[in-house]
Amino acid sequence: MKKSSRPEFSRQLMPLTPCSECCGQATLNGLYGPRPCMACNVSGWVDAGTGKALPLEELVTQLSLRLQAAQRHINESKRSQASGPEATYQGSNRRGAGGTNYTGD
């Protein structure tokens, strides 16, 4: 066993699935309008293995991990650089009048 001076706080991403009662919407249609789905703790997500709602502390952690992963994916998509003929249309080549972008069209 490895000694550590501080507790381990790393969490693993759990497989989640949309709630079967509210179909991932977090609300149910009631007689007087929408009402919160208590089967999934009003999140729309349940544990894929058991089908039960996660405790609120674990639910917040899992949703935060998924949000961080989605943000990383979005940032990587934005950073991808164009190549070939498309690159001249994406960036400024400063060949136009007054140093503007010239595309040759």
Protein backbone atom coordinates (compact mmCIF):
# COMPACT_ATOMS: atom_id res chain seq x y z
CA MET A 1 0.00 0.00 0.00
CA LYS A 2 1.34 3.41 -0.99
CA LYS A 3 1.71 6.01 1.75
CA SER A 4 0.28 9.43 1.12
CA SER A 5 0.20 12.59 3.21
CA ARG A 6 -3.16 13.62 1.78
CA PRO A 7 -6.33 11.77 0.87
CA GLU A 8 -6.95 10.70 -2.70
CA PHE A 9 -9.65 12.83 -4.34
CA SER A 10 -9.55 11.53 -7.88
CA ARG A 11 -12.89 10.24 -9.11
CA GLN A 12 -13.51 7.86 -11.98
CA LEU A 13 -16.10 8.49 -14.66
CA MET A 14 -19.07 6.16 -14.14
CA PRO A 15 -21.28 4.92 -16.98
CA LEU A 16 -24.58 6.79 -16.84
CA THR A 17 -27.75 6.25 -18.82
CA PRO A 18 -30.88 8.39 -19.26
CA CYS A 19 -33.59 7.79 -16.65
CA SER A 20 -36.21 5.31 -17.84
CA GLU A 21 -39.10 7.14 -16.13
CA CYS A 22 -38.51 10.64 -17.47
CA CYS A 23 -36.49 9.63 -20.58
CA GLY A 24 -33.64 11.93 -19.54
CA GLN A 25 -35.83 15.04 -19.31
CA ALA A 26 -35.69 15.35 -15.47
CA THR A 27 -39.41 16.18 -15.39
CA LEU A 28 -42.62 14.21 -15.72
CA ASN A 29 -45.92 15.44 -17.09
CA GLY A 30 -48.31 15.69 -14.21
CA LEU A 31 -51.96 16.60 -13.90
CA TYR A 32 -51.17 20.26 -13.20
CA GLY A 33 -48.07 20.60 -15.40
CA PRO A 34 -44.53 19.27 -15.28
CA ARG A 35 -43.24 17.90 -12.00
CA PRO A 36 -39.70 16.86 -11.02
CA CYS A 37 -38.68 13.23 -11.53
CA MET A 38 -37.55 11.84 -8.20
CA ALA A 39 -36.39 8.53 -9.71
CA CYS A 40 -33.23 10.28 -10.98
CA ASN A 41 -32.93 13.12 -8.41
CA VAL A 42 -34.13 15.57 -11.07
CA SER A 43 -31.01 15.07 -13.20
CA GLY A 44 -32.24 12.83 -16.01
CA TRP A 45 -29.34 10.41 -15.42
CA VAL A 46 -29.08 7.14 -13.48
CA ASP A 47 -26.33 4.56 -12.91
CA ALA A 48 -26.10 2.36 -16.01
CA GLY A 49 -25.35 -0.78 -13.99
CA THR A 50 -28.09 -0.59 -11.38
CA GLY A 51 -30.60 1.83 -12.92
CA LYS A 52 -30.85 3.69 -9.61
CA ALA A 53 -30.35 7.38 -8.93
CA LEU A 54 -26.92 8.47 -7.76
CA PRO A 55 -26.49 10.25 -4.42
CA LEU A 56 -26.40 14.01 -4.94
CA GLU A 57 -22.68 14.35 -4.07
CA GLU A 58 -21.73 11.65 -6.58
CA LEU A 59 -24.17 13.02 -9.19
CA VAL A 60 -22.59 16.48 -9.04
CA THR A 61 -19.11 14.97 -9.39
CA GLN A 62 -20.08 12.78 -12.35
CA LEU A 63 -21.84 15.61 -14.19
CA SER A 64 -18.86 17.90 -13.55
CA LEU A 65 -16.46 15.30 -15.01
CA ARG A 66 -18.66 14.96 -18.09
CA LEU A 67 -18.91 18.74 -18.50
CA GLN A 68 -15.12 19.11 -18.25
CA ALA A 69 -14.64 16.39 -20.88
CA ALA A 70 -17.14 18.11 -23.19
CA GLN A 71 -15.37 21.47 -22.72
CA ARG A 72 -12.01 19.86 -23.59
CA HIS A 73 -13.55 18.34 -26.72
CA ILE A 74 -15.00 21.71 -27.78
CA ASN A 75 -11.69 23.48 -27.21
CA GLU A 76 -9.79 20.86 -29.21
CA SER A 77 -12.28 21.21 -32.06
CA LYS A 78 -11.81 24.97 -32.11
CA ARG A 79 -8.02 24.64 -32.13
CA SER A 80 -7.85 22.42 -35.20
CA GLN A 81 -6.10 24.34 -37.94
CA ALA A 82 -7.14 24.27 -41.57
CA SER A 83 -4.65 23.05 -44.17
CA GLY A 84 -4.34 23.33 -47.91
CA PRO A 85 -6.46 25.80 -49.90
CA GLU A 86 -8.87 26.15 -46.99
CA ALA A 87 -6.13 27.69 -44.83
CA THR A 88 -5.96 30.82 -46.99
CA TYR A 89 -9.67 31.42 -46.44
CA GLN A 90 -9.49 30.88 -42.67
CA GLY A 91 -6.58 33.16 -41.78
CA SER A 92 -5.48 36.57 -42.92
CA ASN A 93 -2.77 36.53 -45.58
CA ARG A 94 -2.52 40.36 -45.58
CA ARG A 95 -2.24 40.55 -49.38
CA GLY A 96 -5.30 42.65 -50.06
CA ALA A 97 -5.75 46.42 -50.14
CA GLY A 98 -4.72 47.97 -46.83
CA GLY A 99 -3.40 44.64 -45.51
CA THR A 100 -6.78 42.91 -45.66
CA ASN A 101 -7.31 39.27 -46.54
CA TYR A 102 -7.13 38.46 -50.27
CA THR A 103 -8.75 35.21 -51.41
CA GLY A 104 -8.42 35.63 -55.17
CA ASP A 105 -12.17 35.41 -55.85
